[in-house]
Amino acid sequence: MTLGLRPGVFYRDARLYCLNLLLTYPEACYANCSYCGLRRAREDHGGRPPSFIRVEWPVFSLEEIIGRTRGRLNLIERICVSMTMHPRAYDDTIFLVRHLRKKLGLPVSVLANPSTMEEGSIEDLSRAGADMVSVAIDAATAGLFDRHRGGGVGGPHKWDLYWRTLDEAALILGRNRAGCHLIAGLGETEREMVGAIARVRRLGGRSHLFSFYPEEGSLLAEARPCSASHFRRIQLARFLIDYDMVDAGVMEFDEYGRITGYGLEGDVLDELVRSGTPFMTSGCPGKNRQCACNRPFGDGPPGDIRSFPFAPQEADIRQIRKELATYQETVMEEAFKS
């Protein structure tokens, strides 16, 4: 839509500021993550493109994408190349990063797939022109990772390898140049997610937070998202940790692992909530924006916005306050219990 390849406009006149590109192969993705519509064992849905972060990913030629982007450089501030699990993915990513940097001159991020990479791959991506690398660890704990991405679904991914790759990216690219995707609602407690966010920050990276959404064709297509209250409290904690306002060690939790205190004075916390900034999409920055990769409605529909692609308005803030104050149990589907 941003490039004019499809008709339409975003709800409330939202704007996308990042050119998000997903490597696509006839064989699809070789992984089998439970929540992903790109998984290798996905059901056929009438030949429609697979769904990922709530949208379809139709295929267009690289040169057409480059040509259209050149006419919209006043809108687009960053490119993100997302790898999938495929034998060609790493080599193709190196080519794309180098080619896009040369042709468009925009900063390029890579959403890396450690399972297809080798030692030294982060350095290669950096030399090709990537200034940021993110790793989609997604699950907050080793057990949840294995259940949803590893042996639990016959998948190839390994928890320790993903964290080692993120650590390598932070060391090679520098502070605030490594990102970690995390998905709230895969069965974690708020304490566990805060622990994962704090671990990313200790490495010098920042977390790019999503709320789980059931994707068509995925194993969790019938599962329910976590409560908005669960996600809002994690969003606020992430912002405080990622921008070094609070150490996770001073946060307080109840017997269910829910956040009851943020370790910050009430008036300071209230001002942050009033700003709405902690509840906006978290992702790689642009030339003029704290987050260029703002993925409009990528983890919730317009009727239930989880990550705001624009500054929340007064009515949004009122709703956010209600959600922060609501201590309801997060609904855990059977898929998250076994």
Protein backbone atom coordinates (compact mmCIF):
# COMPACT_ATOMS: atom_id res chain seq x y z
CA MET A 1 0.00 0.00 0.00
CA THR A 2 2.82 2.41 0.88
CA LEU A 3 4.51 1.70 -2.46
CA GLY A 4 1.24 1.85 -4.39
CA LEU A 5 1.39 -1.85 -5.28
CA ARG A 6 -1.98 -2.45 -3.65
CA PRO A 7 -4.89 -0.02 -3.14
CA GLY A 8 -5.96 1.06 0.31
CA VAL A 9 -5.19 3.30 3.27
CA PHE A 10 -4.36 2.57 6.89
CA TYR A 11 -6.91 3.13 9.66
CA ARG A 12 -6.65 6.61 11.23
CA ASP A 13 -4.27 7.66 8.48
CA ALA A 14 -1.37 5.66 9.92
CA ARG A 15 1.87 5.69 7.94
CA LEU A 16 4.50 3.01 7.44
CA TYR A 17 8.08 4.32 7.47
CA CYS A 18 10.02 1.10 6.80
CA LEU A 19 10.29 -1.00 3.64
CA ASN A 20 9.72 -4.49 5.08
CA LEU A 21 10.97 -7.23 2.75
CA LEU A 22 10.53 -10.95 3.41
CA LEU A 23 12.64 -13.54 1.59
CA THR A 24 10.23 -15.85 -0.21
CA TYR A 25 10.88 -19.26 -1.82
CA PRO A 26 8.63 -21.80 -3.59
CA GLU A 27 9.54 -24.34 -0.90
CA ALA A 28 8.33 -21.94 1.82
CA CYS A 29 10.05 -21.73 5.19
CA TYR A 30 11.69 -24.95 6.44
CA ALA A 31 10.90 -24.15 10.08
CA ASN A 32 7.63 -25.01 11.81
CA CYS A 33 7.06 -22.40 14.52
CA SER A 34 3.65 -22.90 16.12
CA TYR A 35 2.41 -19.32 15.75
CA CYS A 36 3.69 -18.55 12.25
CA GLY A 37 1.65 -18.61 9.04
CA LEU A 38 4.86 -19.20 7.06
CA ARG A 39 5.59 -22.59 8.66
CA ARG A 40 6.52 -25.46 6.37
CA ALA A 41 3.46 -27.56 7.31
CA ARG A 42 0.90 -24.77 6.87
CA GLU A 43 -2.42 -25.72 5.36
CA ASP A 44 -3.29 -24.53 1.86
CA HIS A 45 -5.70 -21.60 1.87
CA GLY A 46 -6.87 -21.35 -1.70
CA GLY A 47 -3.49 -20.28 -3.04
CA ARG A 48 -3.46 -17.05 -1.02
CA PRO A 49 -0.05 -15.73 0.09
CA PRO A 50 0.88 -16.80 3.62
CA SER A 51 -0.03 -14.52 6.52
CA PHE A 52 2.66 -13.14 8.84
CA ILE A 53 2.16 -10.31 11.36
CA ARG A 54 -1.49 -10.15 10.26
CA VAL A 55 -0.87 -9.38 6.58
CA GLU A 56 -0.31 -11.34 3.41
CA TRP A 57 3.10 -11.17 1.72
CA PRO A 58 2.53 -11.14 -2.05
CA VAL A 59 5.57 -11.45 -4.30
CA PHE A 60 6.91 -8.58 -6.42
CA SER A 61 10.17 -8.24 -8.34
CA LEU A 62 13.08 -6.62 -6.53
CA GLU A 63 13.59 -4.04 -9.28
CA GLU A 64 9.95 -2.97 -9.17
CA ILE A 65 10.21 -2.51 -5.40
CA ILE A 66 13.39 -0.46 -5.78
CA GLY A 67 11.86 1.70 -8.52
CA ARG A 68 8.77 2.50 -6.50
CA THR A 69 10.76 3.16 -3.33
CA ARG A 70 12.89 5.76 -5.14
CA GLY A 71 9.75 7.81 -5.63
CA ARG A 72 8.88 7.62 -1.93
CA LEU A 73 12.16 8.34 -0.20
CA ASN A 74 10.47 11.23 1.59
CA LEU A 75 8.32 8.64 3.42
CA ILE A 76 10.55 5.61 3.92
CA GLU A 77 13.39 5.89 6.45
CA ARG A 78 14.68 2.33 6.71
CA ILE A 79 14.71 -1.07 4.98
CA CYS A 80 14.32 -4.37 6.84
CA VAL A 81 15.24 -7.67 5.20
CA SER A 82 13.72 -10.67 6.99
CA MET A 83 15.31 -14.08 6.56
CA THR A 84 13.35 -17.35 6.56
CA MET A 85 14.61 -20.90 7.12
CA HIS A 86 15.97 -21.85 3.69
CA PRO A 87 19.39 -23.02 2.42
CA ARG A 88 19.70 -19.93 0.20
CA ALA A 89 18.51 -17.40 2.74
CA TYR A 90 21.85 -16.23 4.09
CA ASP A 91 23.56 -15.73 0.70
CA ASP A 92 20.46 -14.00 -0.67
CA THR A 93 20.35 -11.71 2.36
CA ILE A 94 23.96 -10.62 1.85
CA PHE A 95 23.17 -9.83 -1.80
CA LEU A 96 20.00 -7.91 -0.89
CA VAL A 97 21.65 -5.81 1.81
CA ARG A 98 24.50 -4.81 -0.47
CA HIS A 99 22.22 -4.17 -3.46
CA LEU A 100 19.63 -2.15 -1.53
CA ARG A 101 22.25 0.00 0.19
CA LYS A 102 23.80 0.81 -3.18
CA LYS A 103 20.54 1.46 -5.01
CA LEU A 104 18.56 3.32 -2.34
CA GLY A 105 21.07 4.63 0.19
CA LEU A 106 18.75 3.92 3.11
CA PRO A 107 19.86 2.28 6.38
CA VAL A 108 19.25 -1.48 6.28
CA SER A 109 18.27 -3.80 9.12
CA VAL A 110 18.33 -7.59 8.96
CA LEU A 111 16.01 -9.88 10.88
CA ALA A 112 18.47 -12.74 11.10
CA ASN A 113 17.82 -16.48 11.24
CA PRO A 114 20.66 -17.96 13.33
CA SER A 115 19.75 -21.49 12.22
CA THR A 116 20.98 -20.71 8.68
CA MET A 117 24.08 -18.73 9.73
CA GLU A 118 27.66 -19.60 10.64
CA GLU A 119 30.39 -18.02 12.73
CA GLY A 120 31.32 -14.65 11.28
CA SER A 121 27.93 -14.10 9.62
CA ILE A 122 27.17 -10.95 11.61
CA GLU A 123 30.46 -9.41 10.47
CA ASP A 124 29.56 -10.30 6.87
CA LEU A 125 26.16 -8.62 7.22
CA SER A 126 27.81 -5.53 8.66
CA ARG A 127 30.35 -5.35 5.83
CA ALA A 128 27.52 -5.74 3.30
CA GLY A 129 25.89 -2.61 4.76
CA ALA A 130 23.52 -3.66 7.56
CA ASP A 131 23.70 -1.19 10.44
CA MET A 132 21.28 -3.13 12.65
CA VAL A 133 20.59 -6.85 13.18
CA SER A 134 17.65 -8.30 15.08
CA VAL A 135 17.03 -11.85 16.24
CA ALA A 136 13.50 -13.18 16.70
CA ILE A 137 13.86 -15.14 19.92
CA ASP A 138 10.12 -14.54 20.39
CA ALA A 139 9.54 -16.75 23.46
CA ALA A 140 10.49 -15.48 26.91
CA THR A 141 11.86 -18.76 28.32
CA ALA A 142 13.85 -21.74 27.08
CA GLY A 143 10.91 -24.08 27.70
CA LEU A 144 8.48 -21.94 25.70
CA PHE A 145 11.04 -21.52 22.92
CA ASP A 146 11.44 -25.29 22.57
CA ARG A 147 7.67 -25.82 22.75
CA HIS A 148 6.85 -23.32 20.01
CA ARG A 149 10.00 -23.21 17.86
CA GLY A 150 12.15 -26.24 18.61
CA GLY A 151 11.60 -29.90 19.40
CA GLY A 152 8.02 -29.37 20.52
CA VAL A 153 6.95 -28.71 16.93
CA GLY A 154 9.70 -30.59 15.11
CA GLY A 155 11.50 -27.32 14.45
CA PRO A 156 15.23 -26.72 13.95
CA HIS A 157 15.77 -23.71 16.21
CA LYS A 158 17.89 -23.74 19.39
CA TRP A 159 17.49 -21.32 22.32
CA ASP A 160 21.21 -21.06 23.12
CA LEU A 161 22.16 -20.43 19.47
CA TYR A 162 19.66 -17.59 19.18
CA TRP A 163 20.99 -15.86 22.29
CA ARG A 164 24.62 -16.34 21.16
CA THR A 165 23.78 -14.73 17.80
CA LEU A 166 22.12 -11.78 19.54
CA ASP A 167 25.15 -11.38 21.80
CA GLU A 168 27.43 -11.44 18.75
CA ALA A 169 25.33 -8.80 16.99
CA ALA A 170 25.49 -6.51 20.02
CA LEU A 171 29.27 -6.91 20.31
CA ILE A 172 29.99 -6.33 16.61
CA LEU A 173 27.47 -3.60 15.80
CA GLY A 174 27.59 -1.72 19.11
CA ARG A 175 25.15 -0.57 21.75
CA ASN A 176 21.52 -0.12 20.61
CA ARG A 177 22.29 -1.70 17.24
CA ALA A 178 20.99 -5.19 18.06
CA GLY A 179 17.31 -5.97 18.47
CA CYS A 180 15.37 -8.90 19.85
CA HIS A 181 11.81 -9.74 18.81
CA LEU A 182 9.69 -10.97 21.71
CA ILE A 183 6.05 -12.09 21.57
CA ALA A 184 3.83 -11.62 24.61
CA GLY A 185 1.11 -14.22 24.99
CA LEU A 186 2.91 -17.51 24.31
CA GLY A 187 2.36 -18.67 27.86
CA GLU A 188 4.87 -16.55 29.80
CA THR A 189 4.33 -14.63 33.00
CA GLU A 190 5.04 -10.92 33.07
CA ARG A 191 8.01 -11.61 35.34
CA GLU A 192 9.46 -14.01 32.76
CA MET A 193 9.04 -11.53 29.93
CA VAL A 194 10.62 -8.75 31.98
CA GLY A 195 13.54 -11.11 32.61
CA ALA A 196 14.02 -11.66 28.87
CA ILE A 197 13.80 -7.93 28.13
CA ALA A 198 16.36 -7.19 30.85
CA ARG A 199 18.71 -9.84 29.44
CA VAL A 200 18.54 -8.19 26.01
CA ARG A 201 19.31 -4.81 27.56
CA ARG A 202 22.29 -6.17 29.50
CA LEU A 203 23.74 -7.24 26.14
CA GLY A 204 23.29 -3.66 24.88
CA GLY A 205 20.30 -4.41 22.67
CA ARG A 206 16.66 -3.37 22.71
CA SER A 207 13.49 -5.45 22.50
CA HIS A 208 10.96 -5.20 19.69
CA LEU A 209 7.75 -6.30 21.34
CA PHE A 210 4.73 -7.99 19.73
CA SER A 211 1.43 -9.24 21.12
CA PHE A 212 0.59 -12.77 19.95
CA TYR A 213 -2.07 -12.85 17.25
CA PRO A 214 -3.47 -16.12 15.80
CA GLU A 215 -2.26 -16.45 12.22
CA GLU A 216 -4.27 -18.31 9.58
CA GLY A 217 -2.55 -21.61 8.76
CA SER A 218 -0.55 -21.74 11.98
CA LEU A 219 -0.80 -24.37 14.71
CA LEU A 220 -2.20 -21.68 17.01
CA ALA A 221 -4.77 -20.37 14.53
CA GLU A 222 -7.57 -21.01 17.05
CA ALA A 223 -5.71 -19.73 20.13
CA ARG A 224 -6.57 -16.45 21.82
CA PRO A 225 -4.30 -13.41 22.26
CA CYS A 226 -3.20 -12.50 25.75
CA SER A 227 -5.22 -9.93 27.64
CA ALA A 228 -4.56 -6.30 26.79
CA SER A 229 -3.66 -5.72 30.44
CA HIS A 230 -0.88 -8.33 30.27
CA PHE A 231 0.56 -6.67 27.19
CA ARG A 232 0.24 -3.08 28.41
CA ARG A 233 2.19 -3.77 31.60
CA ILE A 234 4.93 -5.51 29.62
CA GLN A 235 5.04 -2.61 27.13
CA LEU A 236 5.56 -0.12 29.94
CA ALA A 237 8.24 -2.28 31.56
CA ARG A 238 10.05 -2.69 28.24
CA PHE A 239 10.19 1.05 27.67
CA LEU A 240 11.58 1.71 31.15
CA ILE A 241 14.24 -0.98 30.78
CA ASP A 242 15.23 -0.26 27.17
CA TYR A 243 15.73 3.45 27.83
CA ASP A 244 17.63 2.84 31.09
CA MET A 245 15.06 4.52 33.31
CA VAL A 246 14.66 1.55 35.66
CA ASP A 247 16.58 -1.61 36.44
CA ALA A 248 14.40 -4.70 36.20
CA GLY A 249 15.63 -5.78 39.62
CA VAL A 250 13.56 -3.08 41.37
CA MET A 251 10.28 -4.06 39.71
CA GLU A 252 7.70 -5.83 41.86
CA PHE A 253 5.45 -8.80 41.03
CA ASP A 254 2.56 -10.66 42.65
CA GLU A 255 2.26 -14.40 43.19
CA TYR A 256 1.09 -14.84 39.57
CA GLY A 257 4.15 -13.07 38.19
CA ARG A 258 2.17 -9.94 37.27
CA ILE A 259 3.83 -6.54 37.57
CA THR A 260 2.65 -4.58 40.60
CA GLY A 261 5.41 -1.96 40.78
CA TYR A 262 7.81 -0.39 38.30
CA GLY A 263 10.33 1.13 40.71
CA LEU A 264 9.53 4.66 39.56
CA GLU A 265 7.88 7.60 41.30
CA GLY A 266 4.18 7.88 40.59
CA ASP A 267 4.23 11.31 38.94
CA VAL A 268 7.08 10.31 36.61
CA LEU A 269 5.28 7.09 35.68
CA ASP A 270 2.02 8.96 35.15
CA GLU A 271 3.68 11.43 32.80
CA LEU A 272 5.10 8.57 30.75
CA VAL A 273 1.70 6.93 30.46
CA ARG A 274 0.14 10.26 29.50
CA SER A 275 2.69 10.65 26.69
CA GLY A 276 1.59 7.34 25.16
CA THR A 277 5.12 6.67 23.89
CA PRO A 278 5.69 3.36 25.74
CA PHE A 279 2.68 1.87 23.95
CA MET A 280 3.80 2.68 20.43
CA THR A 281 5.44 0.06 18.22
CA SER A 282 9.01 -0.77 19.20
CA GLY A 283 11.46 -1.40 16.37
CA CYS A 284 14.51 -0.14 14.51
CA PRO A 285 14.86 3.67 14.26
CA GLY A 286 14.81 5.84 11.17
CA LYS A 287 16.55 9.06 10.24
CA ASN A 288 13.99 11.16 12.08
CA ARG A 289 11.97 8.65 14.10
CA GLN A 290 12.56 6.65 17.25
CA CYS A 291 10.87 3.76 15.43
CA ALA A 292 10.73 3.60 11.63
CA CYS A 293 9.65 -0.05 11.57
CA ASN A 294 6.23 0.71 13.02
CA ARG A 295 4.30 -2.17 11.34
CA PRO A 296 0.78 -0.65 11.42
CA PHE A 297 -1.66 -3.06 13.11
CA GLY A 298 0.88 -5.88 12.90
CA ASP A 299 -0.18 -7.47 16.18
CA GLY A 300 -3.79 -6.39 16.60
CA PRO A 301 -6.71 -5.15 14.49
CA PRO A 302 -7.90 -1.52 14.52
CA GLY A 303 -10.57 -2.48 17.06
CA ASP A 304 -7.93 -3.80 19.49
CA ILE A 305 -4.72 -1.88 18.84
CA ARG A 306 -1.87 -3.46 20.77
CA SER A 307 1.14 -1.56 19.34
CA PHE A 308 0.19 1.96 18.26
CA PRO A 309 1.72 2.96 14.87
CA PHE A 310 1.04 6.61 15.76
CA ALA A 311 0.95 8.64 18.95
CA PRO A 312 -2.04 7.50 21.05
CA GLN A 313 -4.75 10.13 21.38
CA GLU A 314 -6.58 11.14 24.55
CA ALA A 315 -9.24 8.43 24.19
CA ASP A 316 -6.50 5.86 23.61
CA ILE A 317 -4.69 6.94 26.78
CA ARG A 318 -7.87 6.57 28.81
CA GLN A 319 -8.26 3.02 27.52
CA ILE A 320 -4.59 2.25 28.20
CA ARG A 321 -4.95 3.45 31.81
CA LYS A 322 -7.90 1.08 32.31
CA GLU A 323 -5.94 -1.81 30.86
CA LEU A 324 -2.87 -1.11 33.01
CA ALA A 325 -5.04 -1.14 36.13
CA THR A 326 -6.93 -4.34 35.26
CA TYR A 327 -5.39 -7.38 36.92
CA GLN A 328 -7.07 -10.22 35.10
CA GLU A 329 -5.54 -13.60 34.49
CA THR A 330 -3.99 -13.98 31.08
CA VAL A 331 -6.00 -16.59 29.18
CA MET A 332 -3.71 -19.53 28.44
CA GLU A 333 -4.95 -21.81 25.69
CA GLU A 334 -4.38 -25.54 25.84
CA ALA A 335 -1.68 -25.09 23.21
CA PHE A 336 0.35 -23.15 25.78
CA LYS A 337 -0.16 -25.69 28.60
CA SER A 338 1.04 -28.93 27.06
